[in-house]
Amino acid sequence: MPEARSIVSSKLDMLYFAFFLIHIPVMLFIDLVPFYPSALVPAISKKIRQSYIESYRDRFFIAPPSWFRVYIGLEGVYHLPITIWMLRALPNDHPMLPLQLLIFALETSLTTLTCLVDMLSWEGYASEELTRLTMLYGPYLGFGIVMGIDSFCRLRKLLRSKLKQG
């Protein structure tokens, strides 16, 4: 059986850990807010979302299409629990980590790509506005792709090791 890796031995694992740590408050205070009863929305969430809308005119936050609401729901039922799990799994090099990272990477890449493709078709936006939005969403796609390649390589290594063992 391969030896467990320390989170400090992997720069990507440290990056993933930092991402997941930041991802929780972003989900709770920004992304999932549309699902909260209005009386329970924190004032800071209202301010952040309003400032974001004024700065970026992001249609996904102004008038989200129905499919985008599904994506946000997915954040609540999948991203939030798996993010909490990742914060425990990464430092402990959990045996299911490569598979869970791959699933997260594929889901994140696909949903982000969908948003980018839709966004680039928006009418009434200057190219500078679309560029700014792309610069916000694009890194999530890049991050998902890197995580997907990394986790695929980890899984392949594990499977090859198992095959060699018999």
Protein backbone atom coordinates (compact mmCIF):
# COMPACT_ATOMS: atom_id res chain seq x y z
CA MET A 1 0.00 0.00 0.00
CA PRO A 2 1.39 3.45 -0.90
CA GLU A 3 2.60 5.53 2.00
CA ALA A 4 0.30 8.37 3.13
CA ARG A 5 1.42 11.81 2.02
CA SER A 6 1.56 14.78 4.30
CA ILE A 7 -0.47 17.79 3.17
CA VAL A 8 2.71 19.87 3.49
CA SER A 9 4.50 17.58 1.05
CA SER A 10 2.07 18.47 -1.70
CA LYS A 11 1.79 22.06 -2.85
CA LEU A 12 -1.42 21.20 -4.68
CA ASP A 13 -2.94 19.73 -1.51
CA MET A 14 -2.08 22.94 0.34
CA LEU A 15 -3.72 24.93 -2.48
CA TYR A 16 -6.80 22.70 -2.35
CA PHE A 17 -6.98 23.08 1.43
CA ALA A 18 -6.80 26.89 1.18
CA PHE A 19 -9.46 26.87 -1.56
CA PHE A 20 -11.85 24.70 0.45
CA LEU A 21 -11.28 26.79 3.57
CA ILE A 22 -12.20 29.97 1.66
CA HIS A 23 -15.02 28.23 -0.22
CA ILE A 24 -17.16 27.69 2.90
CA PRO A 25 -17.76 31.37 3.79
CA VAL A 26 -18.19 32.24 0.10
CA MET A 27 -20.96 29.65 -0.18
CA LEU A 28 -22.61 30.57 3.12
CA PHE A 29 -22.43 34.35 2.81
CA ILE A 30 -22.75 34.86 -0.96
CA ASP A 31 -23.74 31.94 -3.17
CA LEU A 32 -26.41 30.21 -1.06
CA VAL A 33 -28.11 33.42 0.09
CA PRO A 34 -30.97 33.16 -2.48
CA PHE A 35 -32.17 30.06 -0.62
CA TYR A 36 -32.33 31.75 2.79
CA PRO A 37 -35.54 33.24 4.15
CA SER A 38 -35.11 37.01 3.75
CA ALA A 39 -35.25 37.54 7.53
CA LEU A 40 -32.19 35.29 7.94
CA VAL A 41 -29.95 36.92 5.32
CA PRO A 42 -26.99 38.51 7.12
CA ALA A 43 -26.53 42.23 6.44
CA ILE A 44 -22.96 41.57 5.29
CA SER A 45 -24.29 39.17 2.65
CA LYS A 46 -26.68 41.79 1.32
CA LYS A 47 -23.85 44.35 1.12
CA ILE A 48 -21.42 41.98 -0.59
CA ARG A 49 -23.97 40.79 -3.13
CA GLN A 50 -25.17 44.34 -3.88
CA SER A 51 -21.61 45.58 -4.32
CA TYR A 52 -20.82 42.63 -6.59
CA ILE A 53 -23.91 43.26 -8.73
CA GLU A 54 -23.09 46.98 -9.03
CA SER A 55 -19.47 46.23 -9.94
CA TYR A 56 -19.93 43.34 -12.37
CA ARG A 57 -23.60 43.33 -13.52
CA ASP A 58 -23.45 39.53 -13.30
CA ARG A 59 -26.78 38.28 -14.66
CA PHE A 60 -26.43 35.09 -12.66
CA PHE A 61 -26.86 37.26 -9.55
CA ILE A 62 -29.37 39.72 -11.03
CA ALA A 63 -31.83 37.37 -12.79
CA PRO A 64 -30.49 33.82 -12.62
CA PRO A 65 -31.81 31.34 -15.17
CA SER A 66 -33.51 28.26 -13.72
CA TRP A 67 -30.53 26.02 -14.48
CA PHE A 68 -28.25 28.35 -12.51
CA ARG A 69 -30.49 28.00 -9.46
CA VAL A 70 -29.97 24.25 -9.78
CA TYR A 71 -26.21 24.84 -9.79
CA ILE A 72 -26.49 26.94 -6.63
CA GLY A 73 -28.64 24.22 -5.07
CA LEU A 74 -25.89 21.77 -5.96
CA GLU A 75 -23.49 23.95 -4.01
CA GLY A 76 -25.68 23.53 -0.95
CA VAL A 77 -26.26 19.79 -1.19
CA TYR A 78 -22.89 18.71 -2.63
CA HIS A 79 -20.22 21.42 -2.41
CA LEU A 80 -20.82 22.38 1.21
CA PRO A 81 -20.71 18.84 2.66
CA ILE A 82 -17.83 17.68 0.45
CA THR A 83 -15.88 20.85 1.20
CA ILE A 84 -16.17 20.18 4.92
CA TRP A 85 -15.10 16.57 4.27
CA MET A 86 -12.12 17.74 2.17
CA LEU A 87 -10.85 19.88 5.05
CA ARG A 88 -10.50 16.70 7.11
CA ALA A 89 -9.47 14.38 4.28
CA LEU A 90 -6.63 16.47 2.85
CA PRO A 91 -4.46 16.64 6.00
CA ASN A 92 -5.05 12.93 6.64
CA ASP A 93 -4.54 11.76 3.03
CA HIS A 94 -7.85 9.88 3.15
CA PRO A 95 -7.90 6.88 0.79
CA MET A 96 -11.02 8.25 -0.98
CA LEU A 97 -9.39 11.64 -1.55
CA PRO A 98 -8.32 11.15 -5.20
CA LEU A 99 -11.80 9.96 -6.19
CA GLN A 100 -13.58 12.76 -4.33
CA LEU A 101 -11.22 15.36 -5.80
CA LEU A 102 -11.91 13.99 -9.30
CA ILE A 103 -15.69 14.13 -8.81
CA PHE A 104 -15.46 17.68 -7.42
CA ALA A 105 -13.15 18.74 -10.26
CA LEU A 106 -15.42 17.36 -12.98
CA GLU A 107 -18.56 18.87 -11.47
CA THR A 108 -16.91 22.25 -10.88
CA SER A 109 -15.34 22.37 -14.34
CA LEU A 110 -18.58 21.46 -16.11
CA THR A 111 -20.76 23.93 -14.21
CA THR A 112 -18.21 26.73 -14.56
CA LEU A 113 -17.78 26.06 -18.27
CA THR A 114 -21.57 26.21 -18.70
CA CYS A 115 -21.63 29.59 -16.96
CA LEU A 116 -18.77 30.94 -19.09
CA VAL A 117 -20.36 29.81 -22.36
CA ASP A 118 -23.69 31.34 -21.38
CA MET A 119 -22.05 34.54 -20.16
CA LEU A 120 -20.19 35.08 -23.42
CA SER A 121 -23.54 35.12 -25.24
CA TRP A 122 -25.02 37.92 -23.11
CA GLU A 123 -26.17 40.91 -25.13
CA GLY A 124 -25.85 44.47 -23.91
CA TYR A 125 -22.46 43.96 -22.28
CA ALA A 126 -19.29 45.70 -23.39
CA SER A 127 -16.35 43.43 -24.14
CA GLU A 128 -14.57 44.91 -21.10
CA GLU A 129 -17.44 43.84 -18.84
CA LEU A 130 -17.42 40.31 -20.23
CA THR A 131 -13.64 40.19 -19.87
CA ARG A 132 -13.90 41.17 -16.19
CA LEU A 133 -16.54 38.51 -15.59
CA THR A 134 -14.47 35.94 -17.46
CA MET A 135 -11.50 36.83 -15.28
CA LEU A 136 -13.64 36.03 -12.23
CA TYR A 137 -15.09 32.74 -13.50
CA GLY A 138 -12.12 31.56 -15.58
CA PRO A 139 -9.81 30.71 -12.66
CA TYR A 140 -12.48 28.38 -11.26
CA LEU A 141 -12.44 26.50 -14.55
CA GLY A 142 -8.64 26.41 -14.56
CA PHE A 143 -8.59 25.26 -10.94
CA GLY A 144 -11.08 22.49 -11.73
CA ILE A 145 -9.03 21.32 -14.71
CA VAL A 146 -5.79 21.24 -12.68
CA MET A 147 -7.54 19.37 -9.86
CA GLY A 148 -9.05 16.95 -12.38
CA ILE A 149 -5.70 16.15 -13.99
CA ASP A 150 -4.01 15.83 -10.59
CA SER A 151 -6.68 13.54 -9.15
CA PHE A 152 -6.81 11.43 -12.32
CA CYS A 153 -3.03 10.93 -12.09
CA ARG A 154 -3.34 9.97 -8.41
CA LEU A 155 -6.07 7.43 -9.19
CA ARG A 156 -4.12 5.99 -12.10
CA LYS A 157 -1.06 5.56 -9.88
CA LEU A 158 -3.14 3.81 -7.20
CA LEU A 159 -4.81 1.51 -9.72
CA ARG A 160 -1.52 0.60 -11.37
CA SER A 161 -0.06 -0.18 -7.96
CA LYS A 162 -3.02 -2.47 -7.18
CA LEU A 163 -2.70 -4.21 -10.55
CA LYS A 164 1.01 -4.89 -9.94
CA GLN A 165 0.20 -6.41 -6.55
CA GLY A 166 -1.97 -8.98 -8.21
